[in-house]
Amino acid sequence: MKRTHPGWKSIITASLVFLALAFADEKGDRIIEKLQKKYHAVKDATVSFTQEVKFGATGAEQSFSGTLYMKNGNRYRIEMEDQTIVTDGESVWRYTGMNKQLLIDKYREDPRGFSAENILVNIPERFTSVVLGKEKISDRETLILKLTPKEERSAAKWMKLWIDEGEVIVKKIQILDLSDNLMIYSIDAISFNTGLSAKMFHFETPDGANVIDLR
């Protein structure tokens, strides 16, 4: 059976959220200061992740792994089992290897989306947060936070984050969308400022690809 993946924006949303958090209490204020300091020092990042999806309508489940490469300037590259999504901040390439189809479109920045800049600025105003407790993940103690959007037009009902306070990163994320689909992201590895080449964020059309250019 052919598996369908959630949209690339949801992957980017979950993978970028480790760059920004906000808490309502004094402890959270200290952590957001650390995150902001880390964010300003990040020029590029590589994130290995595993995603599980539990579909609310059918109860079906699926999982897959991938790697997200990010660089300043809204540049992303997401490599999954049978799909690659690349943006250089101007165009977006989505290539599916199974049917050799390449879809090209303009990159559109969503002011309500989850770019690193938007999250850092807007989470304190757009979400309320509650600390739920602590849990160990891979022998690291994490703080569990639940974020609930204040705006009715939000794409998510809530998010839960498992934060390693020592490393100031998120180790696990849960997102419940408006269709009651639960997405669970496990951050397997993160590295910062490794000098990713700008060439990674431009997609070369494979031979024999069926190209649909919507720009």
Protein backbone atom coordinates (compact mmCIF):
# COMPACT_ATOMS: atom_id res chain seq x y z
CA MET A 1 0.00 0.00 0.00
CA LYS A 2 1.37 3.43 -0.94
CA ARG A 3 2.02 5.62 2.05
CA THR A 4 1.21 9.31 1.95
CA HIS A 5 3.25 11.72 4.00
CA PRO A 6 1.95 14.79 5.82
CA GLY A 7 2.76 18.11 4.16
CA TRP A 8 6.32 19.40 4.14
CA LYS A 9 5.28 22.43 6.20
CA SER A 10 4.29 20.18 9.11
CA ILE A 11 7.74 18.60 9.00
CA ILE A 12 9.41 21.96 8.92
CA THR A 13 7.13 23.13 11.73
CA ALA A 14 8.07 20.22 13.99
CA SER A 15 11.77 20.26 13.14
CA LEU A 16 12.15 24.12 13.62
CA VAL A 17 10.20 24.36 16.87
CA PHE A 18 13.29 23.21 18.81
CA LEU A 19 14.68 26.70 18.06
CA ALA A 20 12.00 28.58 20.04
CA LEU A 21 9.87 28.09 23.17
CA ALA A 22 8.08 30.39 25.59
CA PHE A 23 6.87 29.75 29.12
CA ALA A 24 4.49 31.66 31.34
CA ASP A 25 6.57 31.31 34.49
CA GLU A 26 9.93 32.66 35.61
CA LYS A 27 11.70 29.41 34.77
CA GLY A 28 10.40 29.60 31.24
CA ASP A 29 11.64 33.17 30.87
CA ARG A 30 15.16 32.01 31.65
CA ILE A 31 14.93 29.21 29.07
CA ILE A 32 13.61 31.50 26.34
CA GLU A 33 16.58 33.79 26.93
CA LYS A 34 18.91 30.82 26.39
CA LEU A 35 17.00 29.81 23.25
CA GLN A 36 17.16 33.30 21.81
CA LYS A 37 20.89 33.42 22.47
CA LYS A 38 21.33 30.04 20.77
CA TYR A 39 19.11 31.03 17.86
CA HIS A 40 21.12 34.15 17.08
CA ALA A 41 24.27 32.03 16.92
CA VAL A 42 22.76 29.43 14.56
CA LYS A 43 23.70 29.85 10.90
CA ASP A 44 22.72 26.33 9.84
CA ALA A 45 21.41 23.14 11.41
CA THR A 46 20.96 19.46 10.56
CA VAL A 47 18.13 17.54 12.21
CA SER A 48 17.55 13.77 11.98
CA PHE A 49 14.00 12.87 12.95
CA THR A 50 11.50 10.04 13.11
CA GLN A 51 7.83 10.86 12.59
CA GLU A 52 4.79 8.83 13.60
CA VAL A 53 1.30 9.80 12.48
CA LYS A 54 -1.94 8.55 14.00
CA PHE A 55 -4.88 9.52 11.82
CA GLY A 56 -7.93 10.60 13.80
CA ALA A 57 -10.54 9.68 11.17
CA THR A 58 -9.38 6.13 10.42
CA GLY A 59 -7.15 5.14 13.33
CA ALA A 60 -4.45 4.18 10.83
CA GLU A 61 -0.80 4.71 11.75
CA GLN A 62 2.39 5.23 9.78
CA SER A 63 5.97 6.18 10.49
CA PHE A 64 9.03 7.26 8.55
CA SER A 65 12.40 8.87 9.10
CA GLY A 66 14.09 11.82 7.48
CA THR A 67 16.71 14.53 7.70
CA LEU A 68 16.14 18.26 7.65
CA TYR A 69 18.91 20.68 6.62
CA MET A 70 18.38 24.37 7.39
CA LYS A 71 20.31 27.53 6.62
CA ASN A 72 19.61 31.21 7.28
CA GLY A 73 17.47 32.86 4.62
CA ASN A 74 14.49 30.46 4.69
CA ARG A 75 16.55 27.70 3.07
CA TYR A 76 15.53 24.11 3.83
CA ARG A 77 16.17 20.64 2.46
CA ILE A 78 14.11 17.66 3.67
CA GLU A 79 15.14 14.17 2.60
CA MET A 80 12.69 11.33 3.29
CA GLU A 81 12.34 7.76 2.10
CA ASP A 82 10.70 8.52 -1.25
CA GLN A 83 10.46 12.29 -1.32
CA THR A 84 12.77 15.31 -1.30
CA ILE A 85 11.65 18.90 -0.65
CA VAL A 86 14.04 21.80 -1.22
CA THR A 87 13.68 25.57 -0.99
CA ASP A 88 16.21 28.34 -1.53
CA GLY A 89 13.86 30.98 -0.12
CA GLU A 90 12.51 31.83 -3.57
CA SER A 91 11.38 28.54 -5.13
CA VAL A 92 10.24 25.20 -3.69
CA TRP A 93 11.04 21.88 -5.36
CA ARG A 94 9.11 18.74 -4.34
CA TYR A 95 10.39 15.54 -5.97
CA THR A 96 8.76 12.13 -5.58
CA GLY A 97 11.01 9.30 -6.67
CA MET A 98 8.27 6.69 -7.07
CA ASN A 99 6.64 8.45 -10.04
CA LYS A 100 9.60 10.71 -10.92
CA GLN A 101 7.44 13.82 -10.58
CA LEU A 102 8.95 17.22 -9.79
CA LEU A 103 6.62 20.00 -8.66
CA ILE A 104 8.10 23.52 -8.58
CA ASP A 105 6.37 26.52 -7.01
CA LYS A 106 7.19 29.89 -5.52
CA TYR A 107 8.22 29.99 -1.88
CA ARG A 108 5.61 31.81 0.19
CA GLU A 109 6.40 32.98 3.70
CA ASP A 110 3.40 32.47 5.98
CA PRO A 111 3.22 35.25 8.60
CA ARG A 112 1.29 32.84 10.83
CA GLY A 113 3.66 29.97 10.11
CA PHE A 114 6.48 28.50 12.10
CA SER A 115 9.61 29.99 10.66
CA ALA A 116 12.25 30.39 13.33
CA GLU A 117 11.79 34.17 13.30
CA ASN A 118 8.01 34.00 13.68
CA ILE A 119 8.16 31.49 16.51
CA LEU A 120 10.67 33.48 18.51
CA VAL A 121 8.61 36.63 18.23
CA ASN A 122 5.06 35.34 18.42
CA ILE A 123 4.89 32.28 20.69
CA PRO A 124 4.62 34.34 23.89
CA GLU A 125 1.61 36.17 22.42
CA ARG A 126 0.01 33.37 20.44
CA PHE A 127 0.23 30.48 22.91
CA THR A 128 -0.45 29.75 26.53
CA SER A 129 1.76 27.16 28.20
CA VAL A 130 1.49 24.69 31.04
CA VAL A 131 4.28 22.59 32.54
CA LEU A 132 3.00 19.00 32.75
CA GLY A 133 5.98 17.34 34.47
CA LYS A 134 9.24 15.64 33.61
CA GLU A 135 10.25 12.49 31.73
CA LYS A 136 13.51 10.77 30.80
CA ILE A 137 14.31 10.31 27.13
CA SER A 138 17.50 8.35 26.33
CA ASP A 139 18.71 8.88 29.89
CA ARG A 140 18.20 12.65 29.62
CA GLU A 141 15.63 14.30 31.82
CA THR A 142 13.21 16.48 29.90
CA LEU A 143 10.58 18.99 30.92
CA ILE A 144 7.15 18.41 29.33
CA LEU A 145 5.36 21.54 28.17
CA LYS A 146 1.91 21.89 26.61
CA LEU A 147 1.28 24.86 24.32
CA THR A 148 -2.30 25.86 23.45
CA PRO A 149 -2.94 28.48 20.74
CA LYS A 150 -4.93 31.55 21.63
CA GLU A 151 -6.05 32.11 18.03
CA GLU A 152 -8.94 30.13 16.58
CA ARG A 153 -7.31 30.04 13.14
CA SER A 154 -4.28 28.13 14.37
CA ALA A 155 -3.44 24.96 12.44
CA ALA A 156 -2.94 23.00 15.67
CA LYS A 157 -5.17 22.30 18.65
CA TRP A 158 -2.12 21.93 20.88
CA MET A 159 1.53 20.99 20.97
CA LYS A 160 3.50 19.11 23.61
CA LEU A 161 7.27 19.54 23.85
CA TRP A 162 9.84 17.48 25.71
CA ILE A 163 12.71 19.88 26.43
CA ASP A 164 16.22 18.96 27.48
CA GLU A 165 16.98 21.94 29.69
CA GLY A 166 20.69 21.19 29.83
CA GLU A 167 21.17 21.21 26.05
CA VAL A 168 18.33 23.73 25.49
CA ILE A 169 16.75 21.67 22.70
CA VAL A 170 13.53 19.75 22.18
CA LYS A 171 13.86 15.97 22.16
CA LYS A 172 10.26 15.08 21.29
CA ILE A 173 7.20 16.87 19.91
CA GLN A 174 3.52 16.02 19.66
CA ILE A 175 1.12 18.06 17.52
CA LEU A 176 -2.65 17.51 17.37
CA ASP A 177 -4.10 19.17 14.28
CA LEU A 178 -7.65 20.30 13.59
CA SER A 179 -8.56 16.91 12.06
CA ASP A 180 -7.43 15.10 15.23
CA ASN A 181 -4.37 13.69 13.52
CA LEU A 182 -1.60 13.22 16.06
CA MET A 183 1.96 13.74 14.79
CA ILE A 184 4.80 12.55 17.02
CA TYR A 185 8.34 13.67 16.20
CA SER A 186 11.39 12.20 17.85
CA ILE A 187 14.51 14.29 17.33
CA ASP A 188 17.22 11.69 16.90
CA ALA A 189 20.18 14.04 16.39
CA ILE A 190 20.88 17.76 15.94
CA SER A 191 24.04 19.55 14.86
CA PHE A 192 24.59 23.28 14.46
CA ASN A 193 26.84 25.51 12.35
CA THR A 194 28.57 22.81 10.31
CA GLY A 195 28.97 25.04 7.27
CA LEU A 196 26.25 23.62 5.02
CA SER A 197 26.83 24.54 1.38
CA ALA A 198 24.37 26.85 -0.35
CA LYS A 199 24.25 24.29 -3.19
CA MET A 200 22.25 21.95 -0.93
CA PHE A 201 19.30 24.32 -1.18
CA HIS A 202 18.94 24.24 -4.95
CA PHE A 203 17.45 21.15 -6.59
CA GLU A 204 18.88 19.73 -9.80
CA THR A 205 16.20 18.15 -11.98
CA PRO A 206 16.83 14.39 -12.41
CA ASP A 207 16.91 12.91 -15.90
CA GLY A 208 13.49 11.75 -17.02
CA ALA A 209 11.59 13.71 -14.39
CA ASN A 210 8.05 14.88 -15.13
CA VAL A 211 8.31 18.60 -14.31
CA ILE A 212 5.30 20.70 -13.31
CA ASP A 213 6.39 24.33 -12.90
CA LEU A 214 3.80 26.56 -11.18
CA ARG A 215 5.98 29.63 -10.73
